[in-house]
Full PDB file with SEQRES, HELIX, SHEET, SSBOND, CRYST1, ORIGX, SCALE, CONECT and MASTER records, all heavy atoms in Angstrom:
SEQRES   1 A   32  LEU LYS MET ASP GLY VAL VAL VAL ALA ARG TYR ALA GLU          
SEQRES   2 A   32  THR ALA GLU ALA ALA ALA ASP GLU LEU ASP THR ALA ALA          
SEQRES   3 A   32  ALA GLU VAL GLY GLY GLY                                      
HELIX    1 AA1 GLY A    5  GLU A   28  1                                  24    
CRYST1    1.000    1.000    1.000  90.00  90.00  90.00 P 1           1          
ORIGX1      1.000000  0.000000  0.000000        0.00000                         
ORIGX2      0.000000  1.000000  0.000000        0.00000                         
ORIGX3      0.000000  0.000000  1.000000        0.00000                         
SCALE1      1.000000  0.000000  0.000000        0.00000                         
SCALE2      0.000000  1.000000  0.000000        0.00000                         
SCALE3      0.000000  0.000000  1.000000        0.00000                         
ATOM      1  N   LEU A   1     -84.603 132.362-110.505  1.00  0.00           N  
ATOM      2  CA  LEU A   1     -84.512 132.499-109.107  1.00  0.00           C  
ATOM      3  C   LEU A   1     -83.012 132.759-108.747  1.00  0.00           C  
ATOM      4  O   LEU A   1     -82.193 132.080-109.205  1.00  0.00           O  
ATOM      5  CB  LEU A   1     -84.957 131.177-108.456  1.00  0.00           C  
ATOM      6  CG  LEU A   1     -84.754 131.032-106.888  1.00  0.00           C  
ATOM      7  CD1 LEU A   1     -85.825 132.043-106.250  1.00  0.00           C  
ATOM      8  CD2 LEU A   1     -85.062 129.615-106.526  1.00  0.00           C  
ATOM      9  N   LYS A   2     -82.851 133.762-107.892  1.00  0.00           N  
ATOM     10  CA  LYS A   2     -81.532 134.102-107.351  1.00  0.00           C  
ATOM     11  C   LYS A   2     -81.515 133.800-105.887  1.00  0.00           C  
ATOM     12  O   LYS A   2     -82.465 133.950-105.212  1.00  0.00           O  
ATOM     13  CB  LYS A   2     -81.153 135.468-107.608  1.00  0.00           C  
ATOM     14  CG  LYS A   2     -81.027 135.788-109.105  1.00  0.00           C  
ATOM     15  CD  LYS A   2     -80.438 137.203-109.270  1.00  0.00           C  
ATOM     16  CE  LYS A   2     -80.276 137.571-110.729  1.00  0.00           C  
ATOM     17  NZ  LYS A   2     -79.656 138.839-110.927  1.00  0.00           N  
ATOM     18  N   MET A   3     -80.435 133.111-105.466  1.00  0.00           N  
ATOM     19  CA  MET A   3     -80.312 132.761-104.037  1.00  0.00           C  
ATOM     20  C   MET A   3     -79.043 133.435-103.458  1.00  0.00           C  
ATOM     21  O   MET A   3     -77.990 133.434-104.020  1.00  0.00           O  
ATOM     22  CB  MET A   3     -80.231 131.329-103.930  1.00  0.00           C  
ATOM     23  CG  MET A   3     -80.256 130.832-102.476  1.00  0.00           C  
ATOM     24  SD  MET A   3     -79.985 129.164-102.241  1.00  0.00           S  
ATOM     25  CE  MET A   3     -78.162 129.125-102.047  1.00  0.00           C  
ATOM     26  N   ASP A   4     -79.250 134.016-102.298  1.00  0.00           N  
ATOM     27  CA  ASP A   4     -78.141 134.565-101.479  1.00  0.00           C  
ATOM     28  C   ASP A   4     -77.818 133.574-100.379  1.00  0.00           C  
ATOM     29  O   ASP A   4     -78.641 133.368 -99.409  1.00  0.00           O  
ATOM     30  CB  ASP A   4     -78.428 135.846-100.901  1.00  0.00           C  
ATOM     31  CG  ASP A   4     -77.282 136.543-100.210  1.00  0.00           C  
ATOM     32  OD1 ASP A   4     -76.482 135.795 -99.781  1.00  0.00           O  
ATOM     33  OD2 ASP A   4     -77.264 137.806-100.218  1.00  0.00           O  
ATOM     34  N   GLY A   5     -76.688 132.806-100.520  1.00  0.00           N  
ATOM     35  CA  GLY A   5     -76.467 131.795 -99.534  1.00  0.00           C  
ATOM     36  C   GLY A   5     -76.270 132.174 -98.163  1.00  0.00           C  
ATOM     37  O   GLY A   5     -76.728 131.528 -97.239  1.00  0.00           O  
ATOM     38  N   VAL A   6     -75.865 133.468 -98.000  1.00  0.00           N  
ATOM     39  CA  VAL A   6     -75.754 134.046 -96.555  1.00  0.00           C  
ATOM     40  C   VAL A   6     -77.085 134.136 -96.002  1.00  0.00           C  
ATOM     41  O   VAL A   6     -77.298 133.842 -94.819  1.00  0.00           O  
ATOM     42  CB  VAL A   6     -74.971 135.357 -96.643  1.00  0.00           C  
ATOM     43  CG1 VAL A   6     -74.933 135.996 -95.197  1.00  0.00           C  
ATOM     44  CG2 VAL A   6     -73.529 135.101 -97.054  1.00  0.00           C  
ATOM     45  N   VAL A   7     -78.001 134.759 -96.733  1.00  0.00           N  
ATOM     46  CA  VAL A   7     -79.432 134.943 -96.180  1.00  0.00           C  
ATOM     47  C   VAL A   7     -79.998 133.637 -95.814  1.00  0.00           C  
ATOM     48  O   VAL A   7     -80.640 133.409 -94.848  1.00  0.00           O  
ATOM     49  CB  VAL A   7     -80.224 135.792 -97.215  1.00  0.00           C  
ATOM     50  CG1 VAL A   7     -81.696 135.744 -96.808  1.00  0.00           C  
ATOM     51  CG2 VAL A   7     -79.691 137.170 -97.367  1.00  0.00           C  
ATOM     52  N   VAL A   8     -79.916 132.570 -96.717  1.00  0.00           N  
ATOM     53  CA  VAL A   8     -80.468 131.287 -96.509  1.00  0.00           C  
ATOM     54  C   VAL A   8     -79.846 130.648 -95.315  1.00  0.00           C  
ATOM     55  O   VAL A   8     -80.535 130.102 -94.502  1.00  0.00           O  
ATOM     56  CB  VAL A   8     -80.204 130.379 -97.802  1.00  0.00           C  
ATOM     57  CG1 VAL A   8     -80.793 128.932 -97.503  1.00  0.00           C  
ATOM     58  CG2 VAL A   8     -81.090 131.032 -98.978  1.00  0.00           C  
ATOM     59  N   ALA A   9     -78.549 130.822 -95.092  1.00  0.00           N  
ATOM     60  CA  ALA A   9     -77.876 130.327 -93.954  1.00  0.00           C  
ATOM     61  C   ALA A   9     -78.355 130.921 -92.628  1.00  0.00           C  
ATOM     62  O   ALA A   9     -78.622 130.226 -91.699  1.00  0.00           O  
ATOM     63  CB  ALA A   9     -76.431 130.427 -94.040  1.00  0.00           C  
ATOM     64  N   ARG A  10     -78.680 132.230 -92.709  1.00  0.00           N  
ATOM     65  CA  ARG A  10     -79.333 132.843 -91.582  1.00  0.00           C  
ATOM     66  C   ARG A  10     -80.699 132.397 -91.216  1.00  0.00           C  
ATOM     67  O   ARG A  10     -81.163 132.278 -90.106  1.00  0.00           O  
ATOM     68  CB  ARG A  10     -79.374 134.455 -91.789  1.00  0.00           C  
ATOM     69  CG  ARG A  10     -77.971 135.015 -91.646  1.00  0.00           C  
ATOM     70  CD  ARG A  10     -78.071 136.553 -91.780  1.00  0.00           C  
ATOM     71  NE  ARG A  10     -76.743 137.172 -91.920  1.00  0.00           N  
ATOM     72  CZ  ARG A  10     -76.481 138.124 -92.780  1.00  0.00           C  
ATOM     73  NH1 ARG A  10     -77.384 138.663 -93.598  1.00  0.00           N  
ATOM     74  NH2 ARG A  10     -75.317 138.591 -92.929  1.00  0.00           N  
ATOM     75  N   TYR A  11     -81.458 132.029 -92.258  1.00  0.00           N  
ATOM     76  CA  TYR A  11     -82.790 131.530 -92.141  1.00  0.00           C  
ATOM     77  C   TYR A  11     -82.642 130.183 -91.266  1.00  0.00           C  
ATOM     78  O   TYR A  11     -83.451 129.867 -90.376  1.00  0.00           O  
ATOM     79  CB  TYR A  11     -83.545 131.327 -93.429  1.00  0.00           C  
ATOM     80  CG  TYR A  11     -84.117 132.583 -93.997  1.00  0.00           C  
ATOM     81  CD1 TYR A  11     -84.050 132.762 -95.414  1.00  0.00           C  
ATOM     82  CD2 TYR A  11     -84.847 133.442 -93.206  1.00  0.00           C  
ATOM     83  CE1 TYR A  11     -84.592 133.945 -95.954  1.00  0.00           C  
ATOM     84  CE2 TYR A  11     -85.393 134.585 -93.706  1.00  0.00           C  
ATOM     85  CZ  TYR A  11     -85.262 134.799 -95.095  1.00  0.00           C  
ATOM     86  OH  TYR A  11     -85.813 135.908 -95.655  1.00  0.00           O  
ATOM     87  N   ALA A  12     -81.735 129.364 -91.726  1.00  0.00           N  
ATOM     88  CA  ALA A  12     -81.430 128.130 -91.065  1.00  0.00           C  
ATOM     89  C   ALA A  12     -81.087 128.354 -89.623  1.00  0.00           C  
ATOM     90  O   ALA A  12     -81.640 127.482 -88.741  1.00  0.00           O  
ATOM     91  CB  ALA A  12     -80.278 127.372 -91.759  1.00  0.00           C  
ATOM     92  N   GLU A  13     -80.275 129.289 -89.343  1.00  0.00           N  
ATOM     93  CA  GLU A  13     -79.976 129.531 -87.947  1.00  0.00           C  
ATOM     94  C   GLU A  13     -81.168 130.081 -87.133  1.00  0.00           C  
ATOM     95  O   GLU A  13     -81.417 129.655 -85.943  1.00  0.00           O  
ATOM     96  CB  GLU A  13     -78.860 130.699 -87.901  1.00  0.00           C  
ATOM     97  CG  GLU A  13     -77.536 130.269 -88.379  1.00  0.00           C  
ATOM     98  CD  GLU A  13     -76.493 131.266 -88.454  1.00  0.00           C  
ATOM     99  OE1 GLU A  13     -76.785 132.544 -88.137  1.00  0.00           O  
ATOM    100  OE2 GLU A  13     -75.376 131.128 -88.959  1.00  0.00           O  
ATOM    101  N   THR A  14     -82.033 130.871 -87.740  1.00  0.00           N  
ATOM    102  CA  THR A  14     -83.221 131.336 -87.149  1.00  0.00           C  
ATOM    103  C   THR A  14     -84.218 130.148 -86.833  1.00  0.00           C  
ATOM    104  O   THR A  14     -84.790 130.105 -85.689  1.00  0.00           O  
ATOM    105  CB  THR A  14     -83.924 132.374 -88.034  1.00  0.00           C  
ATOM    106  OG1 THR A  14     -83.027 133.485 -88.182  1.00  0.00           O  
ATOM    107  CG2 THR A  14     -85.271 132.832 -87.367  1.00  0.00           C  
ATOM    108  N   ALA A  15     -84.270 129.344 -87.817  1.00  0.00           N  
ATOM    109  CA  ALA A  15     -85.202 128.175 -87.534  1.00  0.00           C  
ATOM    110  C   ALA A  15     -84.613 127.360 -86.419  1.00  0.00           C  
ATOM    111  O   ALA A  15     -85.455 126.709 -85.629  1.00  0.00           O  
ATOM    112  CB  ALA A  15     -85.296 127.341 -88.815  1.00  0.00           C  
ATOM    113  N   GLU A  16     -83.363 127.043 -86.355  1.00  0.00           N  
ATOM    114  CA  GLU A  16     -82.779 126.324 -85.294  1.00  0.00           C  
ATOM    115  C   GLU A  16     -82.921 126.873 -83.972  1.00  0.00           C  
ATOM    116  O   GLU A  16     -83.322 126.272 -82.919  1.00  0.00           O  
ATOM    117  CB  GLU A  16     -81.192 126.134 -85.554  1.00  0.00           C  
ATOM    118  CG  GLU A  16     -80.548 125.075 -84.676  1.00  0.00           C  
ATOM    119  CD  GLU A  16     -80.971 123.661 -85.057  1.00  0.00           C  
ATOM    120  OE1 GLU A  16     -81.098 123.287 -86.205  1.00  0.00           O  
ATOM    121  OE2 GLU A  16     -81.146 122.889 -84.028  1.00  0.00           O  
ATOM    122  N   ALA A  17     -82.904 128.180 -83.844  1.00  0.00           N  
ATOM    123  CA  ALA A  17     -83.117 128.917 -82.618  1.00  0.00           C  
ATOM    124  C   ALA A  17     -84.524 128.837 -82.170  1.00  0.00           C  
ATOM    125  O   ALA A  17     -84.746 128.752 -80.987  1.00  0.00           O  
ATOM    126  CB  ALA A  17     -82.631 130.468 -82.799  1.00  0.00           C  
ATOM    127  N   ALA A  18     -85.434 129.037 -83.108  1.00  0.00           N  
ATOM    128  CA  ALA A  18     -86.831 128.847 -82.802  1.00  0.00           C  
ATOM    129  C   ALA A  18     -87.171 127.454 -82.297  1.00  0.00           C  
ATOM    130  O   ALA A  18     -87.904 127.293 -81.419  1.00  0.00           O  
ATOM    131  CB  ALA A  18     -87.704 129.229 -84.104  1.00  0.00           C  
ATOM    132  N   ALA A  19     -86.509 126.447 -82.887  1.00  0.00           N  
ATOM    133  CA  ALA A  19     -86.731 125.066 -82.359  1.00  0.00           C  
ATOM    134  C   ALA A  19     -86.247 124.930 -80.946  1.00  0.00           C  
ATOM    135  O   ALA A  19     -86.926 124.306 -80.145  1.00  0.00           O  
ATOM    136  CB  ALA A  19     -86.008 124.086 -83.268  1.00  0.00           C  
ATOM    137  N   ASP A  20     -85.145 125.650 -80.575  1.00  0.00           N  
ATOM    138  CA  ASP A  20     -84.628 125.536 -79.233  1.00  0.00           C  
ATOM    139  C   ASP A  20     -85.643 126.204 -78.308  1.00  0.00           C  
ATOM    140  O   ASP A  20     -85.848 125.679 -77.207  1.00  0.00           O  
ATOM    141  CB  ASP A  20     -83.299 126.163 -79.131  1.00  0.00           C  
ATOM    142  CG  ASP A  20     -82.204 125.413 -79.808  1.00  0.00           C  
ATOM    143  OD1 ASP A  20     -82.373 124.211 -80.095  1.00  0.00           O  
ATOM    144  OD2 ASP A  20     -81.114 126.099 -80.133  1.00  0.00           O  
ATOM    145  N   GLU A  21     -86.285 127.314 -78.760  1.00  0.00           N  
ATOM    146  CA  GLU A  21     -87.234 127.866 -77.933  1.00  0.00           C  
ATOM    147  C   GLU A  21     -88.486 127.128 -77.713  1.00  0.00           C  
ATOM    148  O   GLU A  21     -89.034 127.042 -76.582  1.00  0.00           O  
ATOM    149  CB  GLU A  21     -87.695 129.299 -78.529  1.00  0.00           C  
ATOM    150  CG  GLU A  21     -86.594 130.281 -78.452  1.00  0.00           C  
ATOM    151  CD  GLU A  21     -86.958 131.656 -79.151  1.00  0.00           C  
ATOM    152  OE1 GLU A  21     -88.118 131.917 -79.207  1.00  0.00           O  
ATOM    153  OE2 GLU A  21     -86.112 132.349 -79.475  1.00  0.00           O  
ATOM    154  N   LEU A  22     -88.897 126.303 -78.767  1.00  0.00           N  
ATOM    155  CA  LEU A  22     -90.050 125.431 -78.676  1.00  0.00           C  
ATOM    156  C   LEU A  22     -89.706 124.261 -77.648  1.00  0.00           C  
ATOM    157  O   LEU A  22     -90.584 123.914 -76.896  1.00  0.00           O  
ATOM    158  CB  LEU A  22     -90.480 124.809 -79.956  1.00  0.00           C  
ATOM    159  CG  LEU A  22     -91.101 125.952 -80.967  1.00  0.00           C  
ATOM    160  CD1 LEU A  22     -91.561 125.202 -82.264  1.00  0.00           C  
ATOM    161  CD2 LEU A  22     -92.403 126.496 -80.220  1.00  0.00           C  
ATOM    162  N   ASP A  23     -88.541 123.755 -77.750  1.00  0.00           N  
ATOM    163  CA  ASP A  23     -88.192 122.751 -76.792  1.00  0.00           C  
ATOM    164  C   ASP A  23     -88.202 123.256 -75.297  1.00  0.00           C  
ATOM    165  O   ASP A  23     -88.598 122.493 -74.425  1.00  0.00           O  
ATOM    166  CB  ASP A  23     -86.709 122.224 -77.121  1.00  0.00           C  
ATOM    167  CG  ASP A  23     -86.646 121.352 -78.271  1.00  0.00           C  
ATOM    168  OD1 ASP A  23     -87.687 120.587 -78.612  1.00  0.00           O  
ATOM    169  OD2 ASP A  23     -85.587 121.135 -78.918  1.00  0.00           O  
ATOM    170  N   THR A  24     -87.679 124.466 -75.175  1.00  0.00           N  
ATOM    171  CA  THR A  24     -87.700 125.030 -73.772  1.00  0.00           C  
ATOM    172  C   THR A  24     -89.189 125.197 -73.354  1.00  0.00           C  
ATOM    173  O   THR A  24     -89.425 124.803 -72.162  1.00  0.00           O  
ATOM    174  CB  THR A  24     -87.051 126.426 -73.708  1.00  0.00           C  
ATOM    175  OG1 THR A  24     -85.613 126.315 -74.145  1.00  0.00           O  
ATOM    176  CG2 THR A  24     -87.086 127.105 -72.396  1.00  0.00           C  
ATOM    177  N   ALA A  25     -90.040 125.697 -74.209  1.00  0.00           N  
ATOM    178  CA  ALA A  25     -91.432 125.868 -73.898  1.00  0.00           C  
ATOM    179  C   ALA A  25     -92.026 124.440 -73.595  1.00  0.00           C  
ATOM    180  O   ALA A  25     -92.906 124.326 -72.663  1.00  0.00           O  
ATOM    181  CB  ALA A  25     -92.269 126.521 -75.056  1.00  0.00           C  
ATOM    182  N   ALA A  26     -91.703 123.515 -74.289  1.00  0.00           N  
ATOM    183  CA  ALA A  26     -92.276 122.095 -74.082  1.00  0.00           C  
ATOM    184  C   ALA A  26     -91.935 121.600 -72.782  1.00  0.00           C  
ATOM    185  O   ALA A  26     -92.752 120.906 -72.056  1.00  0.00           O  
ATOM    186  CB  ALA A  26     -91.855 121.102 -75.162  1.00  0.00           C  
ATOM    187  N   ALA A  27     -90.667 121.850 -72.348  1.00  0.00           N  
ATOM    188  CA  ALA A  27     -90.235 121.349 -71.043  1.00  0.00           C  
ATOM    189  C   ALA A  27     -90.971 122.049 -69.949  1.00  0.00           C  
ATOM    190  O   ALA A  27     -91.102 121.460 -68.777  1.00  0.00           O  
ATOM    191  CB  ALA A  27     -88.698 121.601 -70.864  1.00  0.00           C  
ATOM    192  N   GLU A  28     -91.542 123.235 -70.209  1.00  0.00           N  
ATOM    193  CA  GLU A  28     -92.128 124.025 -69.151  1.00  0.00           C  
ATOM    194  C   GLU A  28     -93.699 123.748 -69.022  1.00  0.00           C  
ATOM    195  O   GLU A  28     -94.264 124.115 -68.081  1.00  0.00           O  
ATOM    196  CB  GLU A  28     -91.906 125.518 -69.283  1.00  0.00           C  
ATOM    197  CG  GLU A  28     -90.423 125.840 -69.176  1.00  0.00           C  
ATOM    198  CD  GLU A  28     -90.103 127.277 -69.492  1.00  0.00           C  
ATOM    199  OE1 GLU A  28     -90.990 128.070 -69.890  1.00  0.00           O  
ATOM    200  OE2 GLU A  28     -88.881 127.662 -69.349  1.00  0.00           O  
ATOM    201  N   VAL A  29     -94.207 123.107 -69.999  1.00  0.00           N  
ATOM    202  CA  VAL A  29     -95.682 122.856 -69.981  1.00  0.00           C  
ATOM    203  C   VAL A  29     -96.035 121.779 -69.096  1.00  0.00           C  
ATOM    204  O   VAL A  29     -95.378 120.727 -68.974  1.00  0.00           O  
ATOM    205  CB  VAL A  29     -96.111 122.473 -71.442  1.00  0.00           C  
ATOM    206  CG1 VAL A  29     -97.603 121.977 -71.513  1.00  0.00           C  
ATOM    207  CG2 VAL A  29     -95.942 123.683 -72.488  1.00  0.00           C  
ATOM    208  N   GLY A  30     -97.187 122.024 -68.349  1.00  0.00           N  
ATOM    209  CA  GLY A  30     -97.700 121.052 -67.481  1.00  0.00           C  
ATOM    210  C   GLY A  30     -96.846 120.872 -66.238  1.00  0.00           C  
ATOM    211  O   GLY A  30     -96.464 119.709 -65.868  1.00  0.00           O  
ATOM    212  N   GLY A  31     -96.447 122.046 -65.766  1.00  0.00           N  
ATOM    213  CA  GLY A  31     -95.585 121.962 -64.468  1.00  0.00           C  
ATOM    214  C   GLY A  31     -96.062 121.003 -63.396  1.00  0.00           C  
ATOM    215  O   GLY A  31     -97.323 120.749 -63.267  1.00  0.00           O  
ATOM    216  N   GLY A  32     -95.064 120.441 -62.767  1.00  0.00           N  
ATOM    217  CA  GLY A  32     -95.433 119.407 -61.707  1.00  0.00           C  
ATOM    218  C   GLY A  32     -96.061 120.021 -60.442  1.00  0.00           C  
ATOM    219  O   GLY A  32     -96.506 119.221 -59.652  1.00  0.00           O  
TER     220      GLY A  32                                                      
MASTER        0    0    0    1    0    0    0    6  219    1    0    3          
END                                                                             
C-alpha cells in the first residue's frame, strides 16, 4: 500500500467541509 499524505489530508479537509454542510442543514430542518 502506498499513501500520498497530501491526498489523504485533502480527504480530511473534504470530510470536515461536508460535516459543516450537514450541520448547516440540521440547523435548517424543521423550520419554526
